[in-house]
Amino acid sequence: MGFIGLPTQTASFIYPVPSADDLPWNKGESPGKDWKWRGNGDAESGKGNWVNEKTGQKLHPDFDHPDPKGPHWGLQQPDGSIIDIFPPK
């Protein structure tokens, strides 16, 4: 797991960012033991987010996103910033 933030930022702006290699790329599969599904459908529907209550982060699986962006995970940080994580090459 990597980290986002610069040394000049305060600790409140540093959140863990899962690497693409550590994330599952199959619909419905949990990104890890600390992540719980919250949504309007089951995890395979993609209509919701995986939520990590320890970090306050949300991961949205967007595996059917059309090109040019293509499949990715959308990671929302507790400060509201969003990071797109694309499949490993």
C-alpha atoms as a PDB file:
ATOM      1  CA  MET A   1       0.000   0.000   0.000  1.00  0.00           C
ATOM      2  CA  GLY A   2       1.392   3.397  -0.968  1.00  0.00           C
ATOM      3  CA  PHE A   3       0.672   6.804   0.461  1.00  0.00           C
ATOM      4  CA  ILE A   4      -0.491  10.055  -1.044  1.00  0.00           C
ATOM      5  CA  GLY A   5       0.784  13.350   0.254  1.00  0.00           C
ATOM      6  CA  LEU A   6       3.917  15.401   0.400  1.00  0.00           C
ATOM      7  CA  PRO A   7       6.226  15.828   3.376  1.00  0.00           C
ATOM      8  CA  THR A   8       5.132  19.460   3.652  1.00  0.00           C
ATOM      9  CA  GLN A   9       1.482  18.473   4.147  1.00  0.00           C
ATOM     10  CA  THR A  10      -0.047  17.879   7.549  1.00  0.00           C
ATOM     11  CA  ALA A  11      -0.762  14.308   8.653  1.00  0.00           C
ATOM     12  CA  SER A  12      -4.506  14.829   8.068  1.00  0.00           C
ATOM     13  CA  PHE A  13      -3.850  14.909   4.307  1.00  0.00           C
ATOM     14  CA  ILE A  14      -1.968  11.624   4.122  1.00  0.00           C
ATOM     15  CA  TYR A  15      -4.169   8.603   3.358  1.00  0.00           C
ATOM     16  CA  PRO A  16      -3.192   5.106   2.225  1.00  0.00           C
ATOM     17  CA  VAL A  17      -3.718   4.431  -1.484  1.00  0.00           C
ATOM     18  CA  PRO A  18      -4.074   0.772  -2.497  1.00  0.00           C
ATOM     19  CA  SER A  19      -1.865  -0.232  -5.397  1.00  0.00           C
ATOM     20  CA  ALA A  20      -3.484  -1.605  -8.542  1.00  0.00           C
ATOM     21  CA  ASP A  21      -1.683  -4.902  -7.913  1.00  0.00           C
ATOM     22  CA  ASP A  22      -3.341  -5.217  -4.489  1.00  0.00           C
ATOM     23  CA  LEU A  23      -6.896  -4.588  -5.735  1.00  0.00           C
ATOM     24  CA  PRO A  24      -9.192  -7.258  -7.203  1.00  0.00           C
ATOM     25  CA  TRP A  25     -10.313  -6.681 -10.792  1.00  0.00           C
ATOM     26  CA  ASN A  26     -13.353  -9.011 -10.705  1.00  0.00           C
ATOM     27  CA  LYS A  27     -16.855  -7.684 -10.078  1.00  0.00           C
ATOM     28  CA  GLY A  28     -18.113  -8.245  -6.549  1.00  0.00           C
ATOM     29  CA  GLU A  29     -14.749  -9.076  -5.007  1.00  0.00           C
ATOM     30  CA  SER A  30     -13.828  -7.212  -1.809  1.00  0.00           C
ATOM     31  CA  PRO A  31     -10.669  -5.083  -1.851  1.00  0.00           C
ATOM     32  CA  GLY A  32      -9.724  -6.448   1.581  1.00  0.00           C
ATOM     33  CA  LYS A  33     -10.792  -7.447   5.074  1.00  0.00           C
ATOM     34  CA  ASP A  34     -11.354  -3.859   6.285  1.00  0.00           C
ATOM     35  CA  TRP A  35     -13.719  -2.983   3.407  1.00  0.00           C
ATOM     36  CA  LYS A  36     -17.521  -3.381   3.736  1.00  0.00           C
ATOM     37  CA  TRP A  37     -19.998  -3.078   0.849  1.00  0.00           C
ATOM     38  CA  ARG A  38     -22.545  -0.234   1.059  1.00  0.00           C
ATOM     39  CA  GLY A  39     -24.917   0.320  -1.834  1.00  0.00           C
ATOM     40  CA  ASN A  40     -28.267  -0.053  -3.572  1.00  0.00           C
ATOM     41  CA  GLY A  41     -27.428  -3.482  -4.897  1.00  0.00           C
ATOM     42  CA  ASP A  42     -25.052  -6.312  -4.220  1.00  0.00           C
ATOM     43  CA  ALA A  43     -21.337  -5.850  -4.783  1.00  0.00           C
ATOM     44  CA  GLU A  44     -21.504  -7.433  -8.247  1.00  0.00           C
ATOM     45  CA  SER A  45     -23.942  -4.725  -9.389  1.00  0.00           C
ATOM     46  CA  GLY A  46     -21.339  -2.002  -8.794  1.00  0.00           C
ATOM     47  CA  LYS A  47     -24.099   0.267  -7.454  1.00  0.00           C
ATOM     48  CA  GLY A  48     -22.344   1.413  -4.330  1.00  0.00           C
ATOM     49  CA  ASN A  49     -18.957   1.603  -2.674  1.00  0.00           C
ATOM     50  CA  TRP A  50     -16.617  -0.464  -0.595  1.00  0.00           C
ATOM     51  CA  VAL A  51     -16.148   1.541   2.621  1.00  0.00           C
ATOM     52  CA  ASN A  52     -13.220   1.357   5.001  1.00  0.00           C
ATOM     53  CA  GLU A  53     -14.541   2.656   8.318  1.00  0.00           C
ATOM     54  CA  LYS A  54     -11.041   2.725   9.817  1.00  0.00           C
ATOM     55  CA  THR A  55      -9.705   5.195   7.237  1.00  0.00           C
ATOM     56  CA  GLY A  56     -12.946   6.835   6.033  1.00  0.00           C
ATOM     57  CA  GLN A  57     -12.119   5.939   2.426  1.00  0.00           C
ATOM     58  CA  LYS A  58     -14.532   4.685  -0.237  1.00  0.00           C
ATOM     59  CA  LEU A  59     -13.678   2.545  -3.265  1.00  0.00           C
ATOM     60  CA  HIS A  60     -16.087   2.455  -6.195  1.00  0.00           C
ATOM     61  CA  PRO A  61     -15.608  -0.319  -8.767  1.00  0.00           C
ATOM     62  CA  ASP A  62     -16.142   1.188 -12.234  1.00  0.00           C
ATOM     63  CA  PHE A  63     -15.080  -1.767 -14.359  1.00  0.00           C
ATOM     64  CA  ASP A  64     -17.549  -1.051 -17.200  1.00  0.00           C
ATOM     65  CA  HIS A  65     -16.481   2.571 -17.740  1.00  0.00           C
ATOM     66  CA  PRO A  66     -16.213   3.286 -21.474  1.00  0.00           C
ATOM     67  CA  ASP A  67     -13.017   4.393 -23.193  1.00  0.00           C
ATOM     68  CA  PRO A  68     -11.043   6.529 -23.160  1.00  0.00           C
ATOM     69  CA  LYS A  69     -10.982   6.268 -19.354  1.00  0.00           C
ATOM     70  CA  GLY A  70     -11.776   2.561 -19.224  1.00  0.00           C
ATOM     71  CA  PRO A  71     -12.079   0.247 -16.206  1.00  0.00           C
ATOM     72  CA  HIS A  72     -10.841   1.599 -12.892  1.00  0.00           C
ATOM     73  CA  TRP A  73     -11.442   1.894  -9.170  1.00  0.00           C
ATOM     74  CA  GLY A  74     -12.509   5.338  -7.959  1.00  0.00           C
ATOM     75  CA  LEU A  75     -10.981   6.018  -4.536  1.00  0.00           C
ATOM     76  CA  GLN A  76     -12.609   8.800  -2.523  1.00  0.00           C
ATOM     77  CA  GLN A  77     -10.449  10.082   0.306  1.00  0.00           C
ATOM     78  CA  PRO A  78     -11.914  11.447   3.564  1.00  0.00           C
ATOM     79  CA  ASP A  79     -11.120  14.992   2.401  1.00  0.00           C
ATOM     80  CA  GLY A  80     -13.333  14.440  -0.688  1.00  0.00           C
ATOM     81  CA  SER A  81     -10.483  14.115  -3.195  1.00  0.00           C
ATOM     82  CA  ILE A  82     -10.829  11.329  -5.759  1.00  0.00           C
ATOM     83  CA  ILE A  83      -8.081   9.189  -7.231  1.00  0.00           C
ATOM     84  CA  ASP A  84      -8.621   6.821 -10.156  1.00  0.00           C
ATOM     85  CA  ILE A  85      -6.707   3.544  -9.918  1.00  0.00           C
ATOM     86  CA  PHE A  86      -6.301   1.694 -13.217  1.00  0.00           C
ATOM     87  CA  PRO A  87      -5.564  -2.013 -13.777  1.00  0.00           C
ATOM     88  CA  PRO A  88      -1.902  -3.048 -13.614  1.00  0.00           C
ATOM     89  CA  LYS A  89      -0.190  -3.347 -16.969  1.00  0.00           C
END
